[in-house]
Protein backbone atom coordinates (compact mmCIF):
# COMPACT_ATOMS: atom_id res chain seq x y z
CA MET A 1 -112.19 15.65 71.61
CA GLU A 2 -109.85 18.15 73.30
CA TRP A 3 -106.72 16.21 72.42
CA TYR A 4 -107.96 15.41 68.91
CA LEU A 5 -108.48 19.16 68.31
CA LYS A 6 -104.95 19.96 69.46
CA ALA A 7 -103.49 17.37 67.10
CA ALA A 8 -105.84 18.31 64.27
CA SER A 9 -104.80 21.97 64.52
CA GLN A 10 -101.27 20.81 63.74
CA GLY A 11 -102.45 19.06 60.58
CA ASN A 12 -102.63 15.54 61.97
CA SER A 13 -104.91 13.72 59.52
CA ARG A 14 -105.68 10.83 61.87
CA ALA A 15 -106.96 13.26 64.49
CA GLN A 16 -108.98 15.14 61.87
CA ASN A 17 -110.57 11.87 60.74
CA SER A 18 -111.26 10.86 64.35
CA ILE A 19 -113.11 14.12 64.99
CA GLY A 20 -115.19 13.37 61.90
CA VAL A 21 -116.02 9.95 63.34
CA LEU A 22 -117.19 11.53 66.60
CA TYR A 23 -119.53 13.90 64.75
CA GLU A 24 -120.79 11.20 62.38
CA ASN A 25 -121.79 8.89 65.22
CA GLY A 26 -122.65 11.43 67.91
CA TYR A 27 -119.92 10.26 70.27
CA GLY A 28 -119.59 12.93 72.99
CA VAL A 29 -121.05 15.56 70.65
CA PRO A 30 -124.42 16.05 68.91
CA GLN A 31 -124.55 13.94 65.75
CA ASP A 32 -123.74 16.21 62.82
CA TYR A 33 -123.03 14.71 59.41
CA GLU A 34 -122.10 18.07 57.88
CA ARG A 35 -119.44 18.72 60.53
CA ALA A 36 -118.25 15.15 60.05
CA MET A 37 -117.84 15.80 56.33
CA GLU A 38 -115.84 18.97 57.03
CA TRP A 39 -113.33 17.10 59.16
CA TYR A 40 -113.14 14.13 56.79
CA LEU A 41 -112.33 16.52 53.94
CA LYS A 42 -109.52 18.07 55.96
CA ALA A 43 -108.01 14.65 56.56
CA ALA A 44 -108.62 13.53 52.98
CA ASN A 45 -106.66 16.51 51.72
CA HIS A 46 -103.68 14.87 53.44
CA ARG A 47 -104.43 11.66 51.46
CA ASP A 48 -105.79 9.90 54.54
CA THR A 49 -107.39 6.73 53.12
CA THR A 50 -109.69 6.18 56.09
CA ALA A 51 -111.15 9.66 55.65
CA GLN A 52 -111.52 9.14 51.90
CA ASN A 53 -113.41 5.92 52.56
CA ASN A 54 -115.59 7.66 55.16
CA ILE A 55 -116.49 10.43 52.70
CA GLY A 56 -117.52 7.76 50.22
CA PHE A 57 -119.72 6.20 52.92
CA LEU A 58 -121.49 9.52 53.58
CA TYR A 59 -122.22 9.99 49.88
CA ARG A 60 -123.36 6.37 49.51
CA ASN A 61 -125.89 6.72 52.31
CA GLY A 62 -126.86 10.37 51.82
CA HIS A 63 -125.71 11.44 55.28
CA GLY A 64 -125.28 15.21 55.39
CA VAL A 65 -125.14 15.33 51.60
CA PRO A 66 -127.47 14.24 48.79
CA GLN A 67 -127.07 10.53 48.11
CA ASP A 68 -124.65 10.21 45.21
CA TYR A 69 -123.22 6.81 44.26
CA GLU A 70 -120.92 8.28 41.61
CA LYS A 71 -119.24 10.59 44.13
CA ALA A 72 -119.05 7.69 46.56
CA MET A 73 -117.23 5.67 43.90
CA GLU A 74 -114.84 8.56 43.24
CA TRP A 75 -113.79 8.74 46.87
CA TYR A 76 -113.53 4.97 47.23
CA LEU A 77 -111.26 4.87 44.16
CA LYS A 78 -109.03 7.55 45.70
CA ALA A 79 -108.58 5.32 48.73
CA THR A 80 -108.04 2.16 46.67
CA SER A 81 -105.29 3.89 44.69
CA GLN A 82 -103.37 3.61 47.93
CA GLY A 83 -104.44 -0.01 48.41
CA ASP A 84 -107.06 0.56 51.11
CA PRO A 85 -108.93 -2.77 51.61
CA ARG A 86 -112.00 -1.14 53.18
CA ALA A 87 -112.54 0.98 50.08
CA GLN A 88 -111.96 -2.07 47.86
CA ASN A 89 -114.70 -3.85 49.79
CA SER A 90 -116.98 -0.80 49.50
CA ILE A 91 -116.59 -0.73 45.71
CA GLY A 92 -117.54 -4.41 45.70
CA VAL A 93 -120.71 -3.50 47.60
CA LEU A 94 -121.61 -0.87 44.98
CA HIS A 95 -121.19 -3.37 42.13
CA GLU A 96 -123.01 -6.15 44.00
CA ASN A 97 -126.09 -4.05 44.66
CA GLY A 98 -126.13 -2.03 41.45
CA TYR A 99 -125.62 1.28 43.24
CA GLY A 100 -124.81 3.93 40.63
CA ALA A 101 -124.46 1.35 37.86
CA GLN A 102 -125.96 -1.92 36.68
CA ARG A 103 -125.48 -4.79 39.12
CA ASN A 104 -122.32 -6.70 38.23
CA TYR A 105 -121.40 -9.71 40.34
CA GLU A 106 -118.20 -10.36 38.40
CA LYS A 107 -116.81 -6.87 39.11
CA ALA A 108 -117.98 -7.12 42.70
CA MET A 109 -116.06 -10.39 43.09
CA GLU A 110 -112.91 -8.79 41.64
CA TRP A 111 -112.98 -6.05 44.25
CA TYR A 112 -113.93 -8.38 47.08
CA LEU A 113 -110.95 -10.60 46.22
CA LYS A 114 -108.61 -7.61 46.33
CA ALA A 115 -109.87 -6.71 49.79
CA ALA A 116 -110.03 -10.32 50.99
CA ASN A 117 -106.41 -10.90 50.02
CA GLN A 118 -105.58 -8.13 52.48
CA ARG A 119 -107.55 -10.02 55.14
CA ASN A 120 -110.64 -7.81 55.01
CA ALA A 121 -113.16 -9.98 56.87
CA SER A 122 -116.23 -8.31 55.40
CA ALA A 123 -115.02 -9.04 51.87
CA GLN A 124 -114.18 -12.62 52.79
CA ASN A 125 -117.71 -13.08 54.09
CA SER A 126 -119.17 -11.55 50.92
CA ILE A 127 -117.20 -13.96 48.74
CA GLY A 128 -118.64 -16.78 50.83
CA VAL A 129 -122.14 -15.41 50.18
CA PHE A 130 -121.42 -15.37 46.44
CA TYR A 131 -120.33 -19.02 46.46
CA GLU A 132 -123.25 -20.07 48.66
CA ASN A 133 -125.83 -18.46 46.37
CA GLY A 134 -124.10 -18.77 42.99
CA TYR A 135 -123.77 -15.02 42.41
CA GLY A 136 -121.49 -14.64 39.38
CA VAL A 137 -119.82 -17.97 40.19
CA GLN A 138 -120.75 -21.64 40.21
CA ARG A 139 -122.55 -22.42 43.46
CA ASN A 140 -120.09 -24.17 45.76
CA TYR A 141 -120.96 -24.68 49.42
CA GLU A 142 -117.49 -26.00 50.28
CA ALA A 143 -115.87 -22.86 48.88
CA ALA A 144 -118.42 -20.76 50.73
CA MET A 145 -117.54 -22.49 53.99
CA GLY A 146 -113.85 -21.89 53.38
CA TRP A 147 -114.33 -18.15 52.97
CA TYR A 148 -116.73 -17.95 55.90
CA LEU A 149 -114.15 -19.65 58.11
CA ARG A 150 -111.51 -17.12 57.10
CA ALA A 151 -113.78 -14.25 58.04
CA ALA A 152 -115.02 -15.95 61.21
CA SER A 153 -111.45 -16.49 62.41
CA GLN A 154 -111.21 -12.69 62.52
CA GLY A 155 -114.39 -12.50 64.58
CA ASN A 156 -116.76 -11.52 61.76
CA ALA A 157 -120.24 -12.13 63.20
CA SER A 158 -121.99 -12.37 59.83
CA ALA A 159 -119.63 -15.15 58.76
CA GLN A 160 -120.15 -16.98 62.04
CA ASN A 161 -123.89 -16.81 61.48
CA ASN A 162 -123.50 -18.05 57.90
CA ILE A 163 -121.44 -21.03 59.05
CA GLY A 164 -124.25 -21.87 61.43
CA PHE A 165 -126.73 -21.68 58.57
CA LEU A 166 -124.70 -24.14 56.46
CA HIS A 167 -124.53 -26.59 59.37
CA GLN A 168 -128.24 -26.21 60.15
CA ASN A 169 -129.26 -26.97 56.58
CA GLY A 170 -126.57 -29.50 55.70
CA LEU A 171 -125.14 -27.41 52.86
CA GLY A 172 -121.63 -28.61 51.98
CA VAL A 173 -121.41 -30.31 55.37
CA PRO A 174 -123.45 -32.98 57.18
CA GLN A 175 -126.50 -31.45 58.82
CA ASP A 176 -125.60 -30.75 62.44
CA TYR A 177 -127.90 -28.64 64.59
CA LYS A 178 -125.51 -28.63 67.54
CA LYS A 179 -122.67 -27.19 65.46
CA ALA A 180 -125.13 -24.71 64.02
CA MET A 181 -126.05 -23.63 67.54
CA GLU A 182 -122.38 -23.22 68.50
CA TRP A 183 -121.75 -20.87 65.58
CA TYR A 184 -124.99 -18.96 66.08
CA ILE A 185 -124.06 -18.35 69.73
CA LYS A 186 -120.67 -16.95 68.67
CA ALA A 187 -122.38 -14.51 66.33
CA ALA A 188 -125.21 -13.72 68.75
CA SER A 189 -122.74 -12.87 71.52
CA GLN A 190 -121.59 -10.04 69.26
CA GLY A 191 -125.16 -8.82 68.94
CA ASN A 192 -125.87 -10.34 65.54
CA ALA A 193 -129.68 -10.20 65.30
CA VAL A 194 -129.91 -12.76 62.49
CA ALA A 195 -128.09 -15.32 64.63
CA GLN A 196 -130.29 -14.51 67.63
CA ASN A 197 -133.34 -15.20 65.49
CA SER A 198 -131.81 -18.48 64.28
CA ILE A 199 -131.11 -19.64 67.85
CA ALA A 200 -134.75 -18.95 68.66
CA ASP A 201 -135.79 -20.98 65.62
CA LEU A 202 -133.79 -23.97 66.88
CA TYR A 203 -135.46 -23.75 70.29
CA GLU A 204 -138.91 -23.28 68.79
CA ASN A 205 -138.62 -26.38 66.63
CA GLY A 206 -136.46 -28.52 68.93
CA TYR A 207 -133.60 -28.78 66.45
CA GLY A 208 -130.54 -30.07 68.31
CA VAL A 209 -132.02 -28.90 71.62
CA GLN A 210 -135.05 -29.63 73.77
CA GLN A 211 -138.02 -27.75 72.30
CA ASP A 212 -138.53 -24.69 74.46
CA TYR A 213 -140.95 -21.95 73.40
CA LYS A 214 -139.96 -19.68 76.29
CA LYS A 215 -136.30 -19.72 75.32
CA ALA A 216 -137.35 -19.21 71.73
CA MET A 217 -139.32 -16.14 72.79
CA GLU A 218 -136.33 -14.79 74.75
CA TRP A 219 -134.04 -15.01 71.72
CA TYR A 220 -136.67 -13.66 69.33
CA ASN A 221 -137.07 -10.67 71.64
CA LYS A 222 -133.32 -10.00 71.60
CA ALA A 223 -133.37 -9.90 67.81
CA ALA A 224 -136.64 -7.99 67.63
CA LYS A 225 -135.28 -5.23 69.87
CA GLN A 226 -132.68 -4.63 67.17
CA GLY A 227 -135.43 -4.27 64.60
CA ASN A 228 -135.08 -7.71 63.03
CA SER A 229 -138.33 -8.13 61.11
CA ARG A 230 -138.12 -11.93 60.96
CA ALA A 231 -137.94 -12.13 64.73
CA GLN A 232 -140.84 -9.70 65.05
CA THR A 233 -142.87 -11.90 62.71
CA ASN A 234 -141.93 -15.03 64.64
CA ILE A 235 -143.01 -13.46 67.94
CA GLY A 236 -146.32 -12.65 66.30
CA ALA A 237 -146.67 -16.26 65.19
CA LEU A 238 -146.05 -17.52 68.74
CA TYR A 239 -148.83 -15.26 70.02
CA GLU A 240 -151.12 -16.27 67.16
CA ASP A 241 -150.61 -19.98 67.83
CA GLY A 242 -150.38 -19.72 71.63
CA CYS A 243 -146.95 -21.39 71.79
CA GLY A 244 -145.16 -20.62 75.05
CA VAL A 245 -147.57 -17.75 75.66
CA GLN A 246 -151.31 -17.35 75.97
CA GLN A 247 -152.89 -17.10 72.53
CA ASP A 248 -153.44 -13.44 71.76
CA TYR A 249 -154.40 -12.37 68.23
CA LYS A 250 -154.15 -8.67 69.06
CA LYS A 251 -150.56 -9.00 70.23
CA ALA A 252 -149.86 -11.10 67.16
CA MET A 253 -151.22 -8.28 65.02
CA GLU A 254 -149.05 -5.72 66.86
CA TRP A 255 -145.88 -7.69 66.13
CA TYR A 256 -146.84 -8.40 62.53
CA LEU A 257 -147.44 -4.68 61.97
CA LYS A 258 -143.95 -3.88 63.30
CA ALA A 259 -142.42 -6.30 60.82
CA ALA A 260 -144.73 -5.21 58.00
CA LYS A 261 -143.48 -1.64 58.34
CA GLN A 262 -140.13 -3.03 57.25
CA GLU A 263 -141.78 -4.65 54.21
CA ASN A 264 -141.57 -8.16 55.63
CA SER A 265 -143.77 -10.11 53.22
CA ARG A 266 -144.50 -12.98 55.61
CA ALA A 267 -145.81 -10.50 58.20
CA GLN A 268 -147.91 -8.77 55.57
CA ALA A 269 -149.43 -12.09 54.54
CA LYS A 270 -150.17 -13.01 58.13
CA ILE A 271 -151.92 -9.68 58.70
CA GLY A 272 -154.03 -10.50 55.68
CA ALA A 273 -154.95 -13.86 57.19
CA LEU A 274 -155.96 -12.24 60.50
CA TYR A 275 -158.24 -9.80 58.70
CA GLU A 276 -159.67 -12.55 56.52
CA ASN A 277 -160.61 -14.68 59.50
CA GLY A 278 -161.47 -11.88 61.92
CA TYR A 279 -158.75 -12.84 64.38
CA GLY A 280 -157.70 -9.86 66.52
CA ALA A 281 -159.51 -7.52 64.16
CA GLN A 282 -162.91 -7.08 62.56
CA GLN A 283 -163.24 -9.50 59.66
CA ASP A 284 -162.53 -7.54 56.50
CA TYR A 285 -161.92 -9.31 53.18
CA LYS A 286 -160.94 -6.13 51.36
CA GLU A 287 -158.36 -5.28 53.99
CA ALA A 288 -157.12 -8.87 53.79
CA MET A 289 -156.80 -8.54 50.03
CA GLU A 290 -154.75 -5.35 50.37
CA TRP A 291 -152.28 -6.98 52.74
CA TYR A 292 -152.04 -10.12 50.64
CA ARG A 293 -151.24 -7.97 47.60
CA LYS A 294 -148.43 -6.20 49.46
CA ALA A 295 -146.90 -9.58 50.25
CA ALA A 296 -147.63 -11.06 46.85
CA ASN A 297 -145.93 -8.17 45.08
CA GLN A 298 -142.75 -9.17 46.91
CA GLY A 299 -143.05 -12.73 45.64
CA ASN A 300 -144.73 -14.29 48.66
CA SER A 301 -146.33 -17.40 47.19
CA ARG A 302 -148.68 -18.07 50.13
CA ALA A 303 -150.16 -14.61 49.74
CA GLN A 304 -150.58 -15.25 46.03
CA ILE A 305 -152.50 -18.45 46.78
CA ASN A 306 -154.72 -16.64 49.27
CA ILE A 307 -155.48 -13.92 46.73
CA GLY A 308 -156.47 -16.69 44.34
CA ILE A 309 -158.78 -18.20 46.95
CA LEU A 310 -160.44 -14.84 47.62
CA TYR A 311 -161.12 -14.42 43.89
CA GLN A 312 -162.31 -18.01 43.59
CA ASP A 313 -164.73 -17.56 46.51
CA GLY A 314 -165.69 -13.99 45.66
CA CYS A 315 -164.53 -12.63 49.01
CA GLY A 316 -163.40 -9.00 49.01
CA ALA A 317 -163.62 -8.94 45.23
CA PRO A 318 -166.05 -10.12 42.54
CA GLN A 319 -165.80 -13.87 42.00
CA ASP A 320 -163.38 -14.40 39.13
CA TYR A 321 -162.01 -17.88 38.40
CA LYS A 322 -159.63 -16.67 35.68
CA GLU A 323 -158.04 -14.20 38.05
CA ALA A 324 -157.82 -16.94 40.67
CA MET A 325 -156.00 -19.22 38.21
CA GLU A 326 -153.51 -16.47 37.38
CA TRP A 327 -152.58 -16.09 41.03
CA TYR A 328 -152.31 -19.84 41.59
CA LEU A 329 -150.00 -20.12 38.58
CA LYS A 330 -147.80 -17.32 39.96
CA ALA A 331 -147.43 -19.29 43.18
CA GLU A 332 -146.73 -22.50 41.29
CA ASN A 333 -144.00 -20.74 39.29
CA LEU A 334 -142.37 -19.85 42.61
CA GLY A 335 -142.35 -23.53 43.55
CA ASP A 336 -145.24 -23.49 46.04
CA THR A 337 -146.71 -26.97 45.75
CA ASP A 338 -149.89 -25.98 47.63
CA ALA A 339 -150.93 -24.21 44.44
CA HIS A 340 -151.31 -27.61 42.74
CA PHE A 341 -154.44 -28.46 44.71
CA HIS A 342 -156.18 -25.24 43.73
CA ILE A 343 -155.17 -25.45 40.07
CA GLY A 344 -156.41 -29.04 39.95
CA ASP A 345 -159.70 -27.97 41.52
CA LEU A 346 -160.29 -25.36 38.79
CA TYR A 347 -159.50 -27.84 36.02
CA GLU A 348 -161.74 -30.47 37.60
CA ASN A 349 -164.74 -28.15 37.72
CA GLY A 350 -164.04 -26.14 34.57
CA HIS A 351 -163.89 -22.89 36.50
CA GLY A 352 -162.08 -20.19 34.56
CA VAL A 353 -160.61 -22.81 32.23
CA GLN A 354 -161.97 -25.49 29.96
CA GLN A 355 -162.76 -28.54 32.06
CA ASP A 356 -159.88 -30.98 31.80
CA LEU A 357 -160.08 -34.06 34.01
CA ARG A 358 -156.72 -35.29 32.80
CA MET A 359 -155.03 -32.10 34.00
CA ALA A 360 -157.04 -32.24 37.23
CA ARG A 361 -155.85 -35.78 37.82
CA GLU A 362 -152.20 -34.84 37.21
CA TYR A 363 -152.37 -32.00 39.71
CA ASN A 364 -154.23 -34.14 42.24
CA TYR A 365 -151.61 -36.88 41.97
CA ILE A 366 -148.91 -34.30 42.69
CA THR A 367 -150.87 -33.03 45.69
CA ILE A 368 -151.27 -36.54 47.16
CA GLU A 369 -147.64 -37.40 46.52
CA ARG A 370 -146.46 -34.29 48.32
CA CYS A 371 -148.88 -34.86 51.20
CA LEU A 372 -147.68 -38.44 51.67
CA LYS A 373 -144.11 -37.20 51.79
CA GLY A 374 -145.13 -34.73 54.47
CA VAL A 375 -144.39 -31.73 52.26
CA ASN A 376 -147.94 -30.45 51.81
CA ARG A 377 -150.50 -30.25 54.57
CA GLY A 378 -152.66 -33.35 54.87
CA HIS A 379 -155.97 -31.46 54.85
CA TYR A 380 -155.65 -31.23 51.08
CA ILE A 381 -156.11 -35.01 50.79
CA ARG A 382 -159.39 -34.80 52.69
CA ARG A 383 -160.60 -32.09 50.29
CA LEU A 384 -159.64 -33.91 47.09
CA ASN A 385 -162.26 -35.50 44.87
CA LEU A 386 -160.62 -38.92 44.72
CA ASP A 387 -162.94 -39.86 41.86
CA THR A 388 -160.69 -37.81 39.59
CA LEU A 389 -157.86 -40.27 40.25
CA ARG A 390 -159.57 -43.22 38.54
CA PRO A 391 -158.71 -43.96 34.90
CA LEU A 392 -160.64 -41.69 32.52
CA SER A 393 -163.20 -43.17 30.12
CA SER A 394 -162.72 -42.46 26.43
CA ASN A 395 -165.64 -40.00 26.55
CA GLU A 396 -164.16 -38.13 29.52
CA ALA A 397 -160.75 -37.99 27.90
CA THR A 398 -162.07 -36.28 24.80
CA GLU A 399 -165.03 -34.35 26.17
CA ALA A 400 -164.57 -30.57 26.41
CA ASN A 401 -167.05 -28.65 28.49
CA PRO A 402 -167.81 -24.96 27.80
CA GLU A 403 -165.45 -22.62 29.63
CA ASP A 404 -166.85 -21.22 32.85
CA VAL A 405 -165.39 -17.84 33.79
CA GLY A 406 -167.40 -18.08 36.98
CA HIS A 407 -169.13 -15.13 38.53
CA GLY A 408 -171.50 -17.22 40.60
CA GLN A 409 -172.48 -17.30 44.22
CA SER A 410 -169.86 -16.32 46.75
CA SER A 411 -168.78 -18.76 49.44
CA CYS A 412 -166.81 -16.70 51.93
CA GLN A 413 -167.20 -18.99 54.94
CA ARG A 414 -163.69 -20.39 55.01
CA SER A 415 -160.73 -20.34 57.36
CA GLY A 416 -157.85 -18.65 55.57
CA ASP A 417 -154.32 -19.96 55.46
CA ALA A 418 -152.42 -18.38 58.32
CA MET A 419 -149.07 -19.39 56.80
């Protein structure tokens, strides 16, 4: 700091910016965003592009100033007028996420390309993400890999992790768990929490390595310490299932709650299941319903199915077959094939809908087909009424029973889906 101050007093913009960095991050001084802004402004007045970009970052995140995406854009544009690739990448981030304007993947790609052509690794990785997911471009895993490799060659941990993901899932390349592990380790060695969680996943499931729950737990803990909500959820699942550790529902609940605070929908759904079944907590259907709704509102299809089951059984809410059907259909629209069994069950019995054995049979066939392929859980086959799979008589095919909206006797003695 002493030498920076001497240089800064002589108008050295790099020193002025460096002092701002110290205050922004609390390096050797108490963290102070307002002081950081003061020093960045001094450097920016000398047209220092790094300082201009840093001012934009403070406005984007509301550090020491009210969050203001328009002002952030103004400062980024000042830096890009001098060709600064970091600011070009930052403008891409604003367009990608719809910060200060409507989300625009095409504009984001334009700015990412400008930065990437100046070897900005973050932008190169973002372009790879766009190609992998089809954001504003035709989905192309090979192109994604190409951009990830460019970024990874510069040591970008996110790109290294993404390469591992492509290898693990066989996207654009042959599926190769060992190569996935190699790339995850490169990213994890730089502290990338997502990669640490992925390494744990490989150990937990024995993908490319000997299955080892203890090693899985070690890697999950590394990621969880950095606040990774997926890892926190996975640790909870190991405790819930007693894999590599003694089964402990209370510890599972503790970890799920940590992840749920970060709005992790899987953790929220699992908390709901613990309350529904009375595992690690007093059985409470209403509390279960609340947690399922939190997850369902984020598009968690398993939570949506469980809400449907609670309405169908009249647990934690008045029995309502129509409401149950609505939730099952939401899950089906998200591609959750487990919803097929429950929809077929309602059609078979005429609960909440007009009885339709033909529809019941179609859904039951789908359920059995998925079970035989190992996609759905086999317990659905045991619960199916196989009589619905026989050819329908002419009377059954045309007969329409009165609609039953169903507010009958509750049947809450079930074991909820722990997902």
